[in-house]
């Protein structure tokens, strides 16, 4: 187990506390923008997911996104192909938490992956409040198929004796139930995603769509009202455009960028960098324009 932890850059803390339903909590020792934890759940064709339950470590941290993606238990697909079902996911400290879907979601495959995008830079250092973003686990035989990714593309499987403390609630699927296909993420709309879940941290979320042509939505959330500077650069570090500059209210926001520079000229296909600057926060997202 120690060799596995070192190899996968996982951090596992603690043993079961009095009254706790898990052995410990699990996170990553290096959390970049697209780091995530995924857990696969088998799903019959007549079943749909209505809610997700997970054992949350630190109630002061917020998972930027909760996502679902269709697939088989062999490996999750690219994070960019997953469907975002909730922004700003938050639970209590060292306890079970629950997130209800805006609508039931089924799968065109034999199951769905529940994916927690980890907050950038939040490395677990302890159990409970202030300890960092992590999800509970149990040590038992025949655990659910679970995976970690540091970059949204390269997935590393956990041992089968590490069972993530993540559960789903199901209902009967109907002909009108949304059904996800593998490698085909959907955009559910920002208003439906936010629901009644408060966004309590500053974060720069992945652009959608990405790759894109000719427009993409640059999405971010603010802990409080503050000045915002959102700029786009090429890979040589030259500033090309400023999609947003000014004071924004607290909460989630999205800014459309139509792949034009500050003079209104269309940009060529390629990779660009969007940089969000706030007081005390800076984040970068990679953009891929394909014309």
C-alpha atoms as a PDB file:
ATOM      1  CA  UNK A   1       0.000   0.000   0.000  1.00  0.00           C
ATOM      2  CA  UNK A   2       2.838   2.457   0.819  1.00  0.00           C
ATOM      3  CA  UNK A   3       4.407   1.870  -2.596  1.00  0.00           C
ATOM      4  CA  UNK A   4       1.058   2.441  -4.315  1.00  0.00           C
ATOM      5  CA  UNK A   5       0.507   5.708  -2.434  1.00  0.00           C
ATOM      6  CA  UNK A   6       3.938   6.977  -3.430  1.00  0.00           C
ATOM      7  CA  UNK A   7       3.543   5.968  -7.064  1.00  0.00           C
ATOM      8  CA  UNK A   8       0.114   7.564  -7.525  1.00  0.00           C
ATOM      9  CA  UNK A   9       0.894  10.701  -5.524  1.00  0.00           C
ATOM     10  CA  UNK A  10      -2.075   9.949  -3.300  1.00  0.00           C
ATOM     11  CA  UNK A  11      -2.437  11.151   0.257  1.00  0.00           C
ATOM     12  CA  UNK A  12      -4.453   9.048   2.709  1.00  0.00           C
ATOM     13  CA  UNK A  13      -4.990  10.324   6.192  1.00  0.00           C
ATOM     14  CA  UNK A  14      -6.206   8.907   9.453  1.00  0.00           C
ATOM     15  CA  UNK A  15      -7.995   5.848  10.653  1.00  0.00           C
ATOM     16  CA  UNK A  16     -11.654   5.532  11.472  1.00  0.00           C
ATOM     17  CA  UNK A  17     -12.816   8.021  14.086  1.00  0.00           C
ATOM     18  CA  UNK A  18     -15.454   7.291  16.690  1.00  0.00           C
ATOM     19  CA  UNK A  19     -18.802   7.239  14.896  1.00  0.00           C
ATOM     20  CA  UNK A  20     -17.249   7.767  11.451  1.00  0.00           C
ATOM     21  CA  UNK A  21     -18.319   5.504   8.618  1.00  0.00           C
ATOM     22  CA  UNK A  22     -14.989   5.558   6.709  1.00  0.00           C
ATOM     23  CA  UNK A  23     -11.409   4.414   7.264  1.00  0.00           C
ATOM     24  CA  UNK A  24      -9.850   7.702   6.171  1.00  0.00           C
ATOM     25  CA  UNK A  25      -9.884  10.327   3.429  1.00  0.00           C
ATOM     26  CA  UNK A  26      -8.084  10.413   0.118  1.00  0.00           C
ATOM     27  CA  UNK A  27      -6.786  13.250  -2.046  1.00  0.00           C
ATOM     28  CA  UNK A  28      -3.852  14.198  -4.268  1.00  0.00           C
ATOM     29  CA  UNK A  29      -0.492  15.603  -3.219  1.00  0.00           C
ATOM     30  CA  UNK A  30      -0.325  17.876  -6.290  1.00  0.00           C
ATOM     31  CA  UNK A  31      -3.638  19.409  -7.378  1.00  0.00           C
ATOM     32  CA  UNK A  32      -3.590  21.207 -10.728  1.00  0.00           C
ATOM     33  CA  UNK A  33      -6.540  22.591 -12.738  1.00  0.00           C
ATOM     34  CA  UNK A  34      -7.779  19.266 -14.152  1.00  0.00           C
ATOM     35  CA  UNK A  35      -7.059  16.972 -11.185  1.00  0.00           C
ATOM     36  CA  UNK A  36     -10.068  14.795 -10.358  1.00  0.00           C
ATOM     37  CA  UNK A  37     -11.391  11.662  -8.674  1.00  0.00           C
ATOM     38  CA  UNK A  38     -13.804   9.398 -10.595  1.00  0.00           C
ATOM     39  CA  UNK A  39     -15.933   6.498  -9.321  1.00  0.00           C
ATOM     40  CA  UNK A  40     -17.804   4.155 -11.681  1.00  0.00           C
ATOM     41  CA  UNK A  41     -21.343   2.920 -10.992  1.00  0.00           C
ATOM     42  CA  UNK A  42     -23.106   0.213 -13.021  1.00  0.00           C
ATOM     43  CA  UNK A  43     -26.422   1.443 -14.349  1.00  0.00           C
ATOM     44  CA  UNK A  44     -29.121  -0.582 -16.095  1.00  0.00           C
ATOM     45  CA  UNK A  45     -30.798   0.913 -19.147  1.00  0.00           C
ATOM     46  CA  UNK A  46     -33.989   1.488 -17.151  1.00  0.00           C
ATOM     47  CA  UNK A  47     -32.181   3.320 -14.313  1.00  0.00           C
ATOM     48  CA  UNK A  48     -31.193   6.959 -13.840  1.00  0.00           C
ATOM     49  CA  UNK A  49     -29.215   8.805 -11.163  1.00  0.00           C
ATOM     50  CA  UNK A  50     -31.069  11.397  -9.075  1.00  0.00           C
ATOM     51  CA  UNK A  51     -28.491  12.239  -6.386  1.00  0.00           C
ATOM     52  CA  UNK A  52     -24.873  11.676  -5.337  1.00  0.00           C
ATOM     53  CA  UNK A  53     -23.710  11.119  -1.739  1.00  0.00           C
ATOM     54  CA  UNK A  54     -20.074  11.311  -0.684  1.00  0.00           C
ATOM     55  CA  UNK A  55     -18.048  11.457   2.515  1.00  0.00           C
ATOM     56  CA  UNK A  56     -16.583  14.950   2.583  1.00  0.00           C
ATOM     57  CA  UNK A  57     -13.390  15.847   4.416  1.00  0.00           C
ATOM     58  CA  UNK A  58     -13.221  19.640   4.676  1.00  0.00           C
ATOM     59  CA  UNK A  59     -16.363  21.761   4.709  1.00  0.00           C
ATOM     60  CA  UNK A  60     -14.364  24.938   4.103  1.00  0.00           C
ATOM     61  CA  UNK A  61     -13.288  23.764   0.625  1.00  0.00           C
ATOM     62  CA  UNK A  62     -15.432  23.603  -2.515  1.00  0.00           C
ATOM     63  CA  UNK A  63     -15.141  21.178  -5.436  1.00  0.00           C
ATOM     64  CA  UNK A  64     -15.318  23.425  -8.545  1.00  0.00           C
ATOM     65  CA  UNK A  65     -17.440  20.898 -10.461  1.00  0.00           C
ATOM     66  CA  UNK A  66     -19.317  17.639 -10.020  1.00  0.00           C
ATOM     67  CA  UNK A  67     -19.511  15.810 -13.340  1.00  0.00           C
ATOM     68  CA  UNK A  68     -20.997  12.667 -14.848  1.00  0.00           C
ATOM     69  CA  UNK A  69     -19.671  10.793 -17.853  1.00  0.00           C
ATOM     70  CA  UNK A  70     -20.880   7.598 -19.511  1.00  0.00           C
ATOM     71  CA  UNK A  71     -18.558   4.636 -19.865  1.00  0.00           C
ATOM     72  CA  UNK A  72     -17.430   1.147 -18.966  1.00  0.00           C
ATOM     73  CA  UNK A  73     -15.429   0.326 -15.827  1.00  0.00           C
ATOM     74  CA  UNK A  74     -12.134   0.025 -17.739  1.00  0.00           C
ATOM     75  CA  UNK A  75     -11.281   3.750 -17.651  1.00  0.00           C
ATOM     76  CA  UNK A  76     -13.001   7.157 -17.618  1.00  0.00           C
ATOM     77  CA  UNK A  77     -12.791   9.263 -20.753  1.00  0.00           C
ATOM     78  CA  UNK A  78     -11.225  12.712 -21.002  1.00  0.00           C
ATOM     79  CA  UNK A  79     -12.408  15.168 -18.378  1.00  0.00           C
ATOM     80  CA  UNK A  80     -13.277  17.615 -21.173  1.00  0.00           C
ATOM     81  CA  UNK A  81     -15.979  15.185 -22.385  1.00  0.00           C
ATOM     82  CA  UNK A  82     -17.756  14.945 -19.026  1.00  0.00           C
ATOM     83  CA  UNK A  83     -21.082  16.657 -18.303  1.00  0.00           C
ATOM     84  CA  UNK A  84     -21.058  19.200 -15.471  1.00  0.00           C
ATOM     85  CA  UNK A  85     -24.054  18.677 -13.179  1.00  0.00           C
ATOM     86  CA  UNK A  86     -23.176  21.050 -10.328  1.00  0.00           C
ATOM     87  CA  UNK A  87     -20.863  24.023  -9.789  1.00  0.00           C
ATOM     88  CA  UNK A  88     -19.413  24.882  -6.400  1.00  0.00           C
ATOM     89  CA  UNK A  89     -20.039  21.531  -4.687  1.00  0.00           C
ATOM     90  CA  UNK A  90     -19.653  21.751  -0.919  1.00  0.00           C
ATOM     91  CA  UNK A  91     -20.351  19.506   2.074  1.00  0.00           C
ATOM     92  CA  UNK A  92     -19.764  19.517   5.817  1.00  0.00           C
ATOM     93  CA  UNK A  93     -16.534  18.548   7.549  1.00  0.00           C
ATOM     94  CA  UNK A  94     -15.790  14.855   8.164  1.00  0.00           C
ATOM     95  CA  UNK A  95     -19.342  13.778   7.322  1.00  0.00           C
ATOM     96  CA  UNK A  96     -21.591  12.535   4.534  1.00  0.00           C
ATOM     97  CA  UNK A  97     -22.905  15.122   2.059  1.00  0.00           C
ATOM     98  CA  UNK A  98     -25.561  14.924  -0.664  1.00  0.00           C
ATOM     99  CA  UNK A  99     -26.091  16.615  -4.030  1.00  0.00           C
ATOM    100  CA  UNK A 100     -29.434  16.303  -5.874  1.00  0.00           C
ATOM    101  CA  UNK A 101     -29.415  16.389  -9.683  1.00  0.00           C
ATOM    102  CA  UNK A 102     -31.459  19.096 -11.405  1.00  0.00           C
ATOM    103  CA  UNK A 103     -33.003  16.213 -13.394  1.00  0.00           C
ATOM    104  CA  UNK A 104     -32.458  12.418 -13.527  1.00  0.00           C
ATOM    105  CA  UNK A 105     -29.558  11.332 -15.744  1.00  0.00           C
ATOM    106  CA  UNK A 106     -29.192   7.923 -17.420  1.00  0.00           C
ATOM    107  CA  UNK A 107     -26.424   6.336 -19.504  1.00  0.00           C
ATOM    108  CA  UNK A 108     -26.216   5.013 -23.054  1.00  0.00           C
ATOM    109  CA  UNK A 109     -23.489   2.659 -21.770  1.00  0.00           C
ATOM    110  CA  UNK A 110     -23.546   0.198 -18.876  1.00  0.00           C
ATOM    111  CA  UNK A 111     -22.777   2.810 -16.257  1.00  0.00           C
ATOM    112  CA  UNK A 112     -21.801   6.340 -15.277  1.00  0.00           C
ATOM    113  CA  UNK A 113     -18.694   7.806 -13.697  1.00  0.00           C
ATOM    114  CA  UNK A 114     -19.224  10.302 -10.882  1.00  0.00           C
ATOM    115  CA  UNK A 115     -16.329  12.759 -11.156  1.00  0.00           C
ATOM    116  CA  UNK A 116     -15.176  15.275  -8.537  1.00  0.00           C
ATOM    117  CA  UNK A 117     -12.938  17.994  -9.967  1.00  0.00           C
ATOM    118  CA  UNK A 118     -10.509  18.928  -7.172  1.00  0.00           C
ATOM    119  CA  UNK A 119      -9.957  22.588  -6.256  1.00  0.00           C
ATOM    120  CA  UNK A 120      -6.610  23.714  -7.602  1.00  0.00           C
ATOM    121  CA  UNK A 121      -3.907  23.852  -4.939  1.00  0.00           C
ATOM    122  CA  UNK A 122      -6.035  22.254  -2.188  1.00  0.00           C
ATOM    123  CA  UNK A 123      -3.765  19.493  -0.895  1.00  0.00           C
ATOM    124  CA  UNK A 124      -5.080  17.457   2.064  1.00  0.00           C
ATOM    125  CA  UNK A 125      -3.034  18.024   5.195  1.00  0.00           C
ATOM    126  CA  UNK A 126      -5.353  16.751   7.917  1.00  0.00           C
ATOM    127  CA  UNK A 127      -8.703  15.163   8.714  1.00  0.00           C
ATOM    128  CA  UNK A 128     -11.734  17.497   9.028  1.00  0.00           C
ATOM    129  CA  UNK A 129     -12.290  21.262   8.761  1.00  0.00           C
ATOM    130  CA  UNK A 130      -9.279  23.051   7.285  1.00  0.00           C
ATOM    131  CA  UNK A 131      -7.688  19.763   6.262  1.00  0.00           C
ATOM    132  CA  UNK A 132      -8.088  20.204   2.501  1.00  0.00           C
ATOM    133  CA  UNK A 133     -10.264  18.739  -0.251  1.00  0.00           C
ATOM    134  CA  UNK A 134     -10.557  14.950  -0.019  1.00  0.00           C
ATOM    135  CA  UNK A 135     -13.136  12.159  -0.216  1.00  0.00           C
ATOM    136  CA  UNK A 136     -13.610   9.321   2.274  1.00  0.00           C
ATOM    137  CA  UNK A 137     -12.639   5.717   1.621  1.00  0.00           C
ATOM    138  CA  UNK A 138     -12.898   2.282   3.207  1.00  0.00           C
ATOM    139  CA  UNK A 139     -10.530  -0.661   3.022  1.00  0.00           C
ATOM    140  CA  UNK A 140     -12.501  -3.698   1.879  1.00  0.00           C
ATOM    141  CA  UNK A 141     -12.421  -6.314  -0.839  1.00  0.00           C
ATOM    142  CA  UNK A 142     -14.251  -5.692  -4.073  1.00  0.00           C
ATOM    143  CA  UNK A 143     -14.400  -1.895  -3.918  1.00  0.00           C
ATOM    144  CA  UNK A 144     -15.986   0.146  -6.694  1.00  0.00           C
ATOM    145  CA  UNK A 145     -13.858   1.000  -9.720  1.00  0.00           C
ATOM    146  CA  UNK A 146     -12.217   4.324  -8.841  1.00  0.00           C
ATOM    147  CA  UNK A 147      -9.649   6.429 -10.668  1.00  0.00           C
ATOM    148  CA  UNK A 148      -7.443   9.501 -10.152  1.00  0.00           C
ATOM    149  CA  UNK A 149      -6.181  11.958 -12.765  1.00  0.00           C
ATOM    150  CA  UNK A 150      -3.655  14.778 -12.298  1.00  0.00           C
ATOM    151  CA  UNK A 151      -4.380  16.342 -15.694  1.00  0.00           C
ATOM    152  CA  UNK A 152      -7.855  15.323 -16.899  1.00  0.00           C
ATOM    153  CA  UNK A 153      -6.547  12.787 -19.424  1.00  0.00           C
ATOM    154  CA  UNK A 154      -4.170  10.310 -17.747  1.00  0.00           C
ATOM    155  CA  UNK A 155      -6.199   8.139 -15.364  1.00  0.00           C
ATOM    156  CA  UNK A 156      -4.658   5.919 -12.676  1.00  0.00           C
ATOM    157  CA  UNK A 157      -6.736   3.099 -11.185  1.00  0.00           C
ATOM    158  CA  UNK A 158      -6.972   2.645  -7.425  1.00  0.00           C
ATOM    159  CA  UNK A 159      -6.503  -0.749  -5.817  1.00  0.00           C
ATOM    160  CA  UNK A 160      -9.685  -2.793  -5.651  1.00  0.00           C
ATOM    161  CA  UNK A 161      -9.403  -2.924  -1.860  1.00  0.00           C
ATOM    162  CA  UNK A 162      -9.785   0.881  -1.673  1.00  0.00           C
ATOM    163  CA  UNK A 163     -13.530   1.576  -1.816  1.00  0.00           C
ATOM    164  CA  UNK A 164     -14.401   5.241  -2.231  1.00  0.00           C
ATOM    165  CA  UNK A 165     -17.165   6.485   0.080  1.00  0.00           C
ATOM    166  CA  UNK A 166     -19.359   7.650  -2.796  1.00  0.00           C
ATOM    167  CA  UNK A 167     -22.919   6.482  -3.444  1.00  0.00           C
ATOM    168  CA  UNK A 168     -25.683   7.255  -5.935  1.00  0.00           C
ATOM    169  CA  UNK A 169     -29.462   7.338  -5.597  1.00  0.00           C
ATOM    170  CA  UNK A 170     -31.464   5.955  -8.522  1.00  0.00           C
ATOM    171  CA  UNK A 171     -34.908   6.151 -10.060  1.00  0.00           C
ATOM    172  CA  UNK A 172     -36.614   4.577 -13.072  1.00  0.00           C
ATOM    173  CA  UNK A 173     -35.572   6.074 -16.415  1.00  0.00           C
ATOM    174  CA  UNK A 174     -38.251   7.212 -18.860  1.00  0.00           C
ATOM    175  CA  UNK A 175     -38.155   7.836 -22.628  1.00  0.00           C
ATOM    176  CA  UNK A 176     -37.543  11.549 -21.919  1.00  0.00           C
ATOM    177  CA  UNK A 177     -34.729  11.043 -19.378  1.00  0.00           C
ATOM    178  CA  UNK A 178     -31.424  12.629 -20.385  1.00  0.00           C
ATOM    179  CA  UNK A 179     -29.084   9.824 -21.464  1.00  0.00           C
ATOM    180  CA  UNK A 180     -25.336  10.499 -21.641  1.00  0.00           C
ATOM    181  CA  UNK A 181     -23.174   8.954 -24.347  1.00  0.00           C
ATOM    182  CA  UNK A 182     -19.496   8.156 -23.964  1.00  0.00           C
ATOM    183  CA  UNK A 183     -17.247  11.000 -25.062  1.00  0.00           C
ATOM    184  CA  UNK A 184     -20.145  13.401 -25.598  1.00  0.00           C
ATOM    185  CA  UNK A 185     -20.495  15.810 -22.705  1.00  0.00           C
ATOM    186  CA  UNK A 186     -23.513  18.089 -22.485  1.00  0.00           C
ATOM    187  CA  UNK A 187     -23.877  21.668 -21.263  1.00  0.00           C
ATOM    188  CA  UNK A 188     -26.826  21.797 -18.874  1.00  0.00           C
ATOM    189  CA  UNK A 189     -26.853  25.587 -18.438  1.00  0.00           C
ATOM    190  CA  UNK A 190     -25.214  27.570 -15.659  1.00  0.00           C
ATOM    191  CA  UNK A 191     -28.457  28.456 -13.867  1.00  0.00           C
ATOM    192  CA  UNK A 192     -29.484  24.798 -13.537  1.00  0.00           C
ATOM    193  CA  UNK A 193     -26.038  23.837 -12.272  1.00  0.00           C
ATOM    194  CA  UNK A 194     -25.808  26.369  -9.497  1.00  0.00           C
ATOM    195  CA  UNK A 195     -29.179  25.533  -7.929  1.00  0.00           C
ATOM    196  CA  UNK A 196     -29.243  26.371  -4.222  1.00  0.00           C
ATOM    197  CA  UNK A 197     -25.574  25.529  -3.652  1.00  0.00           C
ATOM    198  CA  UNK A 198     -23.624  28.671  -2.640  1.00  0.00           C
ATOM    199  CA  UNK A 199     -20.309  29.363  -4.371  1.00  0.00           C
ATOM    200  CA  UNK A 200     -17.947  30.236  -1.525  1.00  0.00           C
ATOM    201  CA  UNK A 201     -14.532  30.297  -3.172  1.00  0.00           C
ATOM    202  CA  UNK A 202     -12.797  32.049  -6.033  1.00  0.00           C
ATOM    203  CA  UNK A 203     -12.304  29.620  -8.912  1.00  0.00           C
ATOM    204  CA  UNK A 204     -11.671  29.575 -12.664  1.00  0.00           C
ATOM    205  CA  UNK A 205     -13.703  26.765 -14.225  1.00  0.00           C
ATOM    206  CA  UNK A 206     -12.982  24.951 -17.472  1.00  0.00           C
ATOM    207  CA  UNK A 207     -14.207  26.777 -20.607  1.00  0.00           C
ATOM    208  CA  UNK A 208     -17.124  25.267 -22.503  1.00  0.00           C
ATOM    209  CA  UNK A 209     -16.973  24.192 -25.217  1.00  0.00           C
ATOM    210  CA  UNK A 210     -13.275  23.431 -25.503  1.00  0.00           C
ATOM    211  CA  UNK A 211     -12.053  22.786 -28.216  1.00  0.00           C
ATOM    212  CA  UNK A 212     -14.312  25.443 -29.745  1.00  0.00           C
ATOM    213  CA  UNK A 213     -15.241  27.246 -32.954  1.00  0.00           C
ATOM    214  CA  UNK A 214     -15.874  30.119 -32.993  1.00  0.00           C
ATOM    215  CA  UNK A 215     -17.076  30.917 -29.438  1.00  0.00           C
ATOM    216  CA  UNK A 216     -16.473  29.604 -25.930  1.00  0.00           C
ATOM    217  CA  UNK A 217     -17.719  30.525 -22.455  1.00  0.00           C
ATOM    218  CA  UNK A 218     -15.063  31.528 -19.903  1.00  0.00           C
ATOM    219  CA  UNK A 219     -16.559  30.658 -16.506  1.00  0.00           C
ATOM    220  CA  UNK A 220     -15.509  31.737 -13.040  1.00  0.00           C
ATOM    221  CA  UNK A 221     -16.974  32.151  -9.562  1.00  0.00           C
ATOM    222  CA  UNK A 222     -16.297  34.807  -6.951  1.00  0.00           C
ATOM    223  CA  UNK A 223     -16.376  34.531  -3.186  1.00  0.00           C
ATOM    224  CA  UNK A 224     -17.247  38.225  -2.922  1.00  0.00           C
ATOM    225  CA  UNK A 225     -17.694  41.233  -5.203  1.00  0.00           C
ATOM    226  CA  UNK A 226     -14.294  42.312  -6.533  1.00  0.00           C
ATOM    227  CA  UNK A 227     -12.422  43.672  -9.583  1.00  0.00           C
ATOM    228  CA  UNK A 228     -11.854  41.072 -12.305  1.00  0.00           C
ATOM    229  CA  UNK A 229      -9.320  41.011 -15.128  1.00  0.00           C
ATOM    230  CA  UNK A 230      -9.759  38.259 -17.725  1.00  0.00           C
ATOM    231  CA  UNK A 231      -7.191  38.221 -20.538  1.00  0.00           C
ATOM    232  CA  UNK A 232      -6.215  35.901 -23.393  1.00  0.00           C
ATOM    233  CA  UNK A 233      -2.599  35.265 -24.415  1.00  0.00           C
ATOM    234  CA  UNK A 234      -0.845  33.242 -27.079  1.00  0.00           C
ATOM    235  CA  UNK A 235       1.794  30.667 -26.168  1.00  0.00           C
ATOM    236  CA  UNK A 236       4.545  33.269 -26.613  1.00  0.00           C
ATOM    237  CA  UNK A 237       3.063  35.337 -23.815  1.00  0.00           C
ATOM    238  CA  UNK A 238       1.614  38.090 -26.007  1.00  0.00           C
ATOM    239  CA  UNK A 239      -1.682  39.541 -24.786  1.00  0.00           C
ATOM    240  CA  UNK A 240      -4.336  39.262 -27.493  1.00  0.00           C
ATOM    241  CA  UNK A 241      -7.658  40.194 -25.910  1.00  0.00           C
ATOM    242  CA  UNK A 242      -9.358  41.290 -22.692  1.00  0.00           C
ATOM    243  CA  UNK A 243     -12.774  39.594 -22.565  1.00  0.00           C
ATOM    244  CA  UNK A 244     -13.589  41.096 -19.148  1.00  0.00           C
ATOM    245  CA  UNK A 245     -12.285  43.916 -16.975  1.00  0.00           C
ATOM    246  CA  UNK A 246     -14.207  45.536 -14.160  1.00  0.00           C
ATOM    247  CA  UNK A 247     -16.013  44.837 -10.913  1.00  0.00           C
ATOM    248  CA  UNK A 248     -18.201  41.720 -10.728  1.00  0.00           C
ATOM    249  CA  UNK A 249     -20.698  40.653  -8.068  1.00  0.00           C
ATOM    250  CA  UNK A 250     -20.195  37.564  -5.897  1.00  0.00           C
ATOM    251  CA  UNK A 251     -21.309  34.253  -7.427  1.00  0.00           C
ATOM    252  CA  UNK A 252     -20.927  32.444 -10.769  1.00  0.00           C
ATOM    253  CA  UNK A 253     -20.251  34.275 -14.044  1.00  0.00           C
ATOM    254  CA  UNK A 254     -19.624  33.384 -17.666  1.00  0.00           C
ATOM    255  CA  UNK A 255     -18.037  35.582 -20.335  1.00  0.00           C
ATOM    256  CA  UNK A 256     -18.280  34.753 -24.020  1.00  0.00           C
ATOM    257  CA  UNK A 257     -15.142  35.015 -26.127  1.00  0.00           C
ATOM    258  CA  UNK A 258     -15.434  34.839 -29.920  1.00  0.00           C
ATOM    259  CA  UNK A 259     -11.753  34.137 -30.729  1.00  0.00           C
ATOM    260  CA  UNK A 260     -10.983  37.710 -31.787  1.00  0.00           C
ATOM    261  CA  UNK A 261      -8.133  39.948 -30.674  1.00  0.00           C
ATOM    262  CA  UNK A 262      -8.550  43.406 -29.137  1.00  0.00           C
ATOM    263  CA  UNK A 263      -8.805  44.918 -32.639  1.00  0.00           C
ATOM    264  CA  UNK A 264     -11.632  42.580 -33.636  1.00  0.00           C
ATOM    265  CA  UNK A 265      -9.533  40.392 -35.941  1.00  0.00           C
ATOM    266  CA  UNK A 266     -10.277  36.664 -36.062  1.00  0.00           C
ATOM    267  CA  UNK A 267      -7.551  34.486 -34.594  1.00  0.00           C
ATOM    268  CA  UNK A 268      -6.184  31.401 -36.322  1.00  0.00           C
ATOM    269  CA  UNK A 269      -6.579  27.851 -35.072  1.00  0.00           C
ATOM    270  CA  UNK A 270      -4.285  27.049 -32.191  1.00  0.00           C
ATOM    271  CA  UNK A 271      -3.806  26.916 -28.430  1.00  0.00           C
ATOM    272  CA  UNK A 272      -4.343  30.020 -26.306  1.00  0.00           C
ATOM    273  CA  UNK A 273      -4.261  30.764 -22.586  1.00  0.00           C
ATOM    274  CA  UNK A 274      -7.001  32.555 -20.648  1.00  0.00           C
ATOM    275  CA  UNK A 275      -5.781  34.194 -17.422  1.00  0.00           C
ATOM    276  CA  UNK A 276      -8.129  35.284 -14.644  1.00  0.00           C
ATOM    277  CA  UNK A 277      -6.736  37.758 -12.080  1.00  0.00           C
ATOM    278  CA  UNK A 278      -8.555  38.641  -8.859  1.00  0.00           C
ATOM    279  CA  UNK A 279      -7.282  40.131  -5.596  1.00  0.00           C
ATOM    280  CA  UNK A 280      -5.334  37.265  -4.039  1.00  0.00           C
ATOM    281  CA  UNK A 281      -6.147  34.787  -6.830  1.00  0.00           C
ATOM    282  CA  UNK A 282      -4.837  33.977 -10.305  1.00  0.00           C
ATOM    283  CA  UNK A 283      -5.881  31.074 -12.551  1.00  0.00           C
ATOM    284  CA  UNK A 284      -5.120  29.935 -16.095  1.00  0.00           C
ATOM    285  CA  UNK A 285      -7.143  27.801 -18.493  1.00  0.00           C
ATOM    286  CA  UNK A 286      -5.965  26.383 -21.820  1.00  0.00           C
ATOM    287  CA  UNK A 287      -8.130  27.136 -24.884  1.00  0.00           C
ATOM    288  CA  UNK A 288      -8.057  25.211 -28.158  1.00  0.00           C
ATOM    289  CA  UNK A 289      -9.484  26.981 -31.216  1.00  0.00           C
ATOM    290  CA  UNK A 290     -10.228  24.688 -34.171  1.00  0.00           C
ATOM    291  CA  UNK A 291     -11.521  26.449 -37.267  1.00  0.00           C
END
